[in-house]
Amino acid sequence: MLRNGEPRNPNLVITRFAPSPTGRLHLGHAYSALFAERAARDAGGHFLLRIEDVDPTRCRPEFTEGIFEDLHWLGLSWPSPVAIQSERMDLYAKALEQLKAGGFLYPCFCTRKDIAREVEAAGGAPHGAAGTIYPGTCKKLAKEDVARRLDAGDGHAWRLDVEAAIVSTGELTWEDRDAGEQAVGVEDFGDVVLARKEVATSYHLAVTVDDADQGISLVTRGMDLFESTPIHRLLQAVLDLPVPVWHHHALISGPDGKRYAKRDQSMTLQSIREGGRSAADVRRELGGLIWGGVC
């Protein structure tokens, strides 16, 4: 049986579904999972499950169990063991050390209030896909000041020095199966946070490291993450990681036109199941949206 992390055929299509256990799965999650599983199955490849639970303030074990329950109900299966991000922190720490050694990280001592004050003093700041772009305050600190504050144990996050990374890598592109070749324009993000004291990795770093470690060749995920992909491509380049192809699928919306969210309890797979609908009903409905047929 294929196991996460073992060497794989580079020509093999490997996809993954990687939910966070912060609530019960809804129809949008089912769509994404069925899409990834079908893409792998049609290519004779493998579908993996990964649990992205690095945020201890929001993730709960009962929701992890709920993920397994809901996906099994849908008729999906995957190799064991399942990758659990909270058990893989050593991999992210190793990647952070590699980035520090390459000169691609710097400590940021700013609080959210500090950033807001600086932005206000500057008359506003540009906005990118991730919101307000960090003004680079701590990147301007003298080395002596940085060393002194680190020695004093001042709280800090670690930010990616995007400018240094781009200088190192040169021009980069990435490939979306539908949208085609895309240029990496990470200057629209500013220097994103890759780790904090309370959470020792970020989504950007963890997902990039995990996709490489698990041999993911086709990243299937929602269109809401399309604008995050340049950051992941840049991290792949500076960490010397393999580059997959991406497919960003449409988001599923409810009758009111709003995309499904975990707060929509009536649309969770658990409530749908308890309401008497079958997994076949859900697969038929979503299969028509994904492939024009049954998944």
Protein backbone atom coordinates (compact mmCIF):
# COMPACT_ATOMS: atom_id res chain seq x y z
CA MET A 1 0.00 0.00 0.00
CA LEU A 2 1.18 3.51 -0.80
CA ARG A 3 2.20 5.38 2.34
CA ASN A 4 2.62 9.11 2.78
CA GLY A 5 6.23 10.25 2.40
CA GLU A 6 7.64 7.28 0.48
CA PRO A 7 9.30 7.72 -2.96
CA ARG A 8 6.84 7.91 -5.82
CA ASN A 9 6.87 7.65 -9.59
CA PRO A 10 7.38 11.26 -10.82
CA ASN A 11 4.86 10.60 -13.61
CA LEU A 12 2.17 9.45 -11.18
CA VAL A 13 -0.75 11.80 -10.52
CA ILE A 14 -1.13 12.35 -6.78
CA THR A 15 -3.79 14.67 -5.38
CA ARG A 16 -4.85 15.52 -1.86
CA PHE A 17 -7.73 16.88 0.21
CA ALA A 18 -6.42 18.91 3.15
CA PRO A 19 -9.16 20.25 5.46
CA SER A 20 -8.66 22.04 8.77
CA PRO A 21 -10.59 20.53 11.72
CA THR A 22 -12.26 23.77 12.78
CA GLY A 23 -15.83 22.58 12.12
CA ARG A 24 -17.83 19.93 10.29
CA LEU A 25 -17.39 19.48 6.55
CA HIS A 26 -19.99 21.07 4.27
CA LEU A 27 -20.99 20.63 0.63
CA GLY A 28 -18.13 22.82 -0.55
CA HIS A 29 -15.65 20.48 1.16
CA ALA A 30 -17.38 17.47 -0.38
CA TYR A 31 -17.05 19.05 -3.81
CA SER A 32 -13.31 19.63 -3.30
CA ALA A 33 -12.66 16.13 -1.94
CA LEU A 34 -14.65 14.42 -4.70
CA PHE A 35 -12.91 16.54 -7.33
CA ALA A 36 -9.43 15.61 -6.08
CA GLU A 37 -10.28 11.92 -5.72
CA ARG A 38 -11.81 11.73 -9.20
CA ALA A 39 -8.84 13.56 -10.79
CA ALA A 40 -6.45 11.00 -9.29
CA ARG A 41 -8.68 8.02 -10.11
CA ASP A 42 -9.13 9.02 -13.75
CA ALA A 43 -5.35 9.23 -14.15
CA GLY A 44 -4.68 5.95 -12.34
CA GLY A 45 -3.04 7.87 -9.51
CA HIS A 46 -3.50 8.29 -5.77
CA PHE A 47 -5.70 10.47 -3.56
CA LEU A 48 -4.32 11.45 -0.14
CA LEU A 49 -5.94 12.96 2.94
CA ARG A 50 -4.08 15.49 5.09
CA ILE A 51 -5.30 17.16 8.29
CA GLU A 52 -4.16 20.79 8.58
CA ASP A 53 -4.39 21.37 12.33
CA VAL A 54 -1.47 23.66 13.16
CA ASP A 55 -3.64 26.28 14.89
CA PRO A 56 -4.36 24.91 18.39
CA THR A 57 -6.78 27.74 19.19
CA ARG A 58 -9.25 26.73 16.46
CA CYS A 59 -8.67 23.03 15.68
CA ARG A 60 -10.40 20.33 17.74
CA PRO A 61 -9.97 16.53 17.78
CA GLU A 62 -13.71 15.90 17.45
CA PHE A 63 -13.72 17.76 14.14
CA THR A 64 -10.86 15.57 12.89
CA GLU A 65 -12.97 12.51 13.69
CA GLY A 66 -15.87 14.21 11.94
CA ILE A 67 -13.76 14.61 8.79
CA PHE A 68 -13.01 10.90 8.71
CA GLU A 69 -16.67 10.07 9.33
CA ASP A 70 -17.96 12.38 6.60
CA LEU A 71 -15.45 11.29 3.97
CA HIS A 72 -16.04 7.59 4.65
CA TRP A 73 -19.77 8.26 4.34
CA LEU A 74 -19.12 9.80 0.92
CA GLY A 75 -17.38 6.56 -0.08
CA LEU A 76 -13.84 7.94 -0.20
CA SER A 77 -10.72 6.07 0.89
CA TRP A 78 -7.04 6.98 1.16
CA PRO A 79 -3.68 5.47 2.12
CA SER A 80 -2.52 5.30 5.71
CA PRO A 81 -1.09 6.87 7.74
CA VAL A 82 -2.85 10.19 7.26
CA ALA A 83 -0.52 13.18 7.45
CA ILE A 84 -1.37 15.28 10.53
CA GLN A 85 0.30 18.69 10.41
CA SER A 86 0.57 19.06 14.19
CA GLU A 87 2.75 15.92 14.14
CA ARG A 88 5.03 17.29 11.42
CA MET A 89 6.32 20.46 13.07
CA ASP A 90 9.92 19.26 12.77
CA LEU A 91 9.62 19.41 8.97
CA TYR A 92 8.44 23.03 9.10
CA ALA A 93 11.16 23.95 11.60
CA LYS A 94 13.78 22.48 9.25
CA ALA A 95 12.39 24.54 6.36
CA LEU A 96 12.46 27.69 8.50
CA GLU A 97 16.10 27.09 9.38
CA GLN A 98 16.89 26.63 5.69
CA LEU A 99 15.19 29.94 4.90
CA LYS A 100 17.04 31.71 7.71
CA ALA A 101 20.37 30.32 6.51
CA GLY A 102 19.60 31.58 3.01
CA GLY A 103 18.86 35.09 4.25
CA PHE A 104 15.19 34.88 3.31
CA LEU A 105 13.67 35.47 6.77
CA TYR A 106 13.76 38.30 9.27
CA PRO A 107 12.18 38.68 12.73
CA CYS A 108 9.24 41.05 12.99
CA PHE A 109 8.49 42.52 16.41
CA CYS A 110 5.45 44.51 15.27
CA THR A 111 2.05 43.97 16.80
CA ARG A 112 -1.08 44.50 14.74
CA LYS A 113 -1.50 47.85 16.46
CA ASP A 114 2.07 48.83 15.53
CA ILE A 115 1.40 48.03 11.88
CA ALA A 116 -1.91 49.91 11.91
CA ARG A 117 -0.22 53.01 13.39
CA GLU A 118 2.56 52.97 10.79
CA VAL A 119 0.10 52.51 7.95
CA GLU A 120 -2.01 55.40 9.26
CA ALA A 121 1.04 57.63 9.66
CA ALA A 122 2.03 56.89 6.07
CA GLY A 123 -1.39 57.93 4.84
CA GLY A 124 -2.50 54.39 4.10
CA ALA A 125 -0.86 51.35 2.62
CA PRO A 126 -1.35 49.33 -0.53
CA HIS A 127 -3.56 46.28 -0.37
CA GLY A 128 -2.90 42.92 -1.96
CA ALA A 129 -4.55 39.52 -2.07
CA ALA A 130 -3.73 38.98 1.61
CA GLY A 131 -5.04 42.36 2.76
CA THR A 132 -2.91 45.30 3.92
CA ILE A 133 0.67 44.83 2.76
CA TYR A 134 3.17 44.91 5.64
CA PRO A 135 5.16 48.18 5.39
CA GLY A 136 8.51 46.49 6.13
CA THR A 137 9.12 48.22 9.44
CA CYS A 138 11.32 45.55 11.03
CA LYS A 139 13.27 44.88 7.85
CA LYS A 140 14.77 48.35 8.36
CA LEU A 141 16.06 47.62 11.88
CA ALA A 142 19.80 47.65 12.49
CA LYS A 143 21.37 44.23 13.04
CA GLU A 144 22.45 45.29 16.52
CA ASP A 145 18.88 46.18 17.46
CA VAL A 146 17.60 42.88 16.11
CA ALA A 147 20.20 40.90 18.06
CA ARG A 148 19.47 42.83 21.25
CA ARG A 149 15.72 42.26 21.01
CA LEU A 150 16.13 38.56 20.21
CA ASP A 151 18.48 38.14 23.16
CA ALA A 152 15.96 39.92 25.38
CA GLY A 153 13.28 37.44 24.34
CA ASP A 154 11.02 40.02 22.70
CA GLY A 155 8.03 38.43 21.02
CA HIS A 156 8.34 38.20 17.26
CA ALA A 157 7.16 36.51 14.09
CA TRP A 158 9.32 35.42 11.16
CA ARG A 159 8.55 37.10 7.83
CA LEU A 160 9.61 36.06 4.35
CA ASP A 161 11.87 38.66 2.74
CA VAL A 162 10.13 38.59 -0.62
CA GLU A 163 12.58 40.99 -2.25
CA ALA A 164 15.58 38.86 -1.29
CA ALA A 165 13.79 35.72 -2.47
CA ILE A 166 12.92 37.20 -5.86
CA VAL A 167 16.48 38.44 -6.36
CA SER A 168 17.68 34.90 -5.65
CA THR A 169 15.22 33.08 -7.89
CA GLY A 170 14.69 35.48 -10.76
CA GLU A 171 11.45 35.37 -12.71
CA LEU A 172 9.14 32.50 -11.82
CA THR A 173 5.93 31.10 -13.24
CA TRP A 174 3.43 28.46 -12.20
CA GLU A 175 0.87 26.43 -14.13
CA ASP A 176 -2.87 26.27 -13.52
CA ARG A 177 -4.65 23.56 -15.51
CA ASP A 178 -7.42 25.91 -16.60
CA ALA A 179 -5.87 29.38 -16.41
CA GLY A 180 -2.54 28.36 -17.95
CA GLU A 181 0.88 29.79 -17.15
CA GLN A 182 0.91 32.48 -14.46
CA ALA A 183 3.67 34.91 -13.52
CA VAL A 184 4.74 35.10 -9.90
CA GLY A 185 3.73 38.53 -8.63
CA VAL A 186 4.35 38.09 -4.93
CA GLU A 187 5.13 41.78 -4.50
CA ASP A 188 1.36 42.08 -4.15
CA PHE A 189 1.63 40.29 -0.79
CA GLY A 190 4.50 42.02 0.91
CA ASP A 191 6.58 40.06 3.41
CA VAL A 192 4.18 37.39 4.67
CA VAL A 193 4.48 35.79 8.09
CA LEU A 194 5.78 32.20 8.00
CA ALA A 195 5.87 31.49 11.74
CA ARG A 196 4.76 32.96 15.06
CA LYS A 197 5.56 32.14 18.65
CA GLU A 198 2.08 30.75 19.29
CA VAL A 199 1.88 28.91 15.95
CA ALA A 200 5.31 27.77 14.75
CA THR A 201 4.35 27.63 11.08
CA SER A 202 1.94 29.31 8.70
CA TYR A 203 -0.46 27.90 6.14
CA HIS A 204 1.86 29.06 3.35
CA LEU A 205 4.92 27.27 4.71
CA ALA A 206 3.20 24.11 5.94
CA VAL A 207 1.23 23.46 2.75
CA THR A 208 4.31 24.00 0.58
CA VAL A 209 6.47 21.64 2.64
CA ASP A 210 3.73 19.01 2.90
CA ASP A 211 2.88 18.98 -0.80
CA ALA A 212 6.54 18.39 -1.63
CA ASP A 213 7.05 15.77 1.09
CA GLN A 214 3.94 13.85 0.02
CA GLY A 215 4.80 13.98 -3.67
CA ILE A 216 1.66 15.90 -4.64
CA SER A 217 1.76 16.42 -8.41
CA LEU A 218 -1.67 18.05 -8.88
CA VAL A 219 -2.84 20.51 -6.24
CA THR A 220 -6.63 20.80 -6.48
CA ARG A 221 -8.20 23.48 -4.32
CA GLY A 222 -10.73 26.29 -4.37
CA MET A 223 -10.45 29.44 -6.45
CA ASP A 224 -10.25 31.43 -3.19
CA LEU A 225 -6.63 30.26 -2.88
CA PHE A 226 -5.60 31.17 -6.43
CA GLU A 227 -3.90 34.39 -5.33
CA SER A 228 -1.90 32.58 -2.61
CA THR A 229 -0.18 30.29 -5.11
CA PRO A 230 2.62 32.73 -6.10
CA ILE A 231 3.86 32.69 -2.49
CA HIS A 232 3.93 28.89 -2.54
CA ARG A 233 5.77 28.87 -5.86
CA LEU A 234 8.36 31.29 -4.46
CA LEU A 235 8.86 29.12 -1.38
CA GLN A 236 9.30 26.05 -3.59
CA ALA A 237 12.03 27.88 -5.49
CA VAL A 238 14.05 29.05 -2.48
CA LEU A 239 13.64 25.70 -0.69
CA ASP A 240 14.53 23.76 -3.87
CA LEU A 241 11.29 21.77 -3.83
CA PRO A 242 9.50 20.08 -6.75
CA VAL A 243 6.79 22.07 -8.51
CA PRO A 244 3.31 20.59 -9.02
CA VAL A 245 0.56 21.69 -11.38
CA TRP A 246 -2.41 23.45 -9.78
CA HIS A 247 -6.10 23.34 -10.51
CA HIS A 248 -8.25 25.93 -8.74
CA HIS A 249 -11.84 24.84 -8.98
CA ALA A 250 -14.98 26.93 -8.70
CA LEU A 251 -16.47 27.48 -5.24
CA ILE A 252 -19.84 25.99 -4.40
CA SER A 253 -22.56 28.40 -3.28
CA GLY A 254 -25.86 27.88 -1.50
CA PRO A 255 -29.31 28.91 -2.72
CA ASP A 256 -28.68 32.44 -1.42
CA GLY A 257 -25.60 32.79 -3.64
CA LYS A 258 -23.17 32.79 -0.71
CA ARG A 259 -20.31 30.30 -0.70
CA TYR A 260 -20.67 27.51 1.82
CA ALA A 261 -18.93 28.02 5.16
CA LYS A 262 -18.59 25.98 8.35
CA ARG A 263 -21.02 28.28 10.11
CA ASP A 264 -23.78 27.05 7.74
CA GLN A 265 -24.81 24.16 9.95
CA SER A 266 -27.76 23.15 7.76
CA MET A 267 -25.38 22.40 4.90
CA THR A 268 -22.87 20.25 6.78
CA LEU A 269 -22.56 16.67 5.61
CA GLN A 270 -23.53 15.58 9.11
CA SER A 271 -26.84 17.47 9.00
CA ILE A 272 -27.51 16.32 5.44
CA ARG A 273 -26.92 12.73 6.48
CA GLU A 274 -29.09 13.05 9.58
CA GLY A 275 -31.79 14.66 7.44
CA GLY A 276 -32.15 11.46 5.42
CA ARG A 277 -30.25 12.23 2.24
CA SER A 278 -27.85 9.55 1.02
CA ALA A 279 -24.21 9.83 -0.01
CA ALA A 280 -25.32 8.78 -3.49
CA ASP A 281 -27.61 11.82 -3.61
CA VAL A 282 -24.72 14.14 -2.71
CA ARG A 283 -22.31 12.49 -5.14
CA ARG A 284 -24.90 12.72 -7.91
CA GLU A 285 -25.58 16.40 -7.23
CA LEU A 286 -21.92 17.39 -6.97
CA GLY A 287 -20.82 15.08 -9.76
CA GLY A 288 -23.07 16.96 -12.15
CA LEU A 289 -21.32 20.19 -11.18
CA ILE A 290 -17.81 18.74 -11.37
CA TRP A 291 -17.89 16.40 -14.33
CA GLY A 292 -21.39 16.56 -15.75
CA GLY A 293 -22.13 13.16 -14.24
CA VAL A 294 -21.82 11.00 -11.11
CA CYS A 295 -18.54 11.03 -9.17
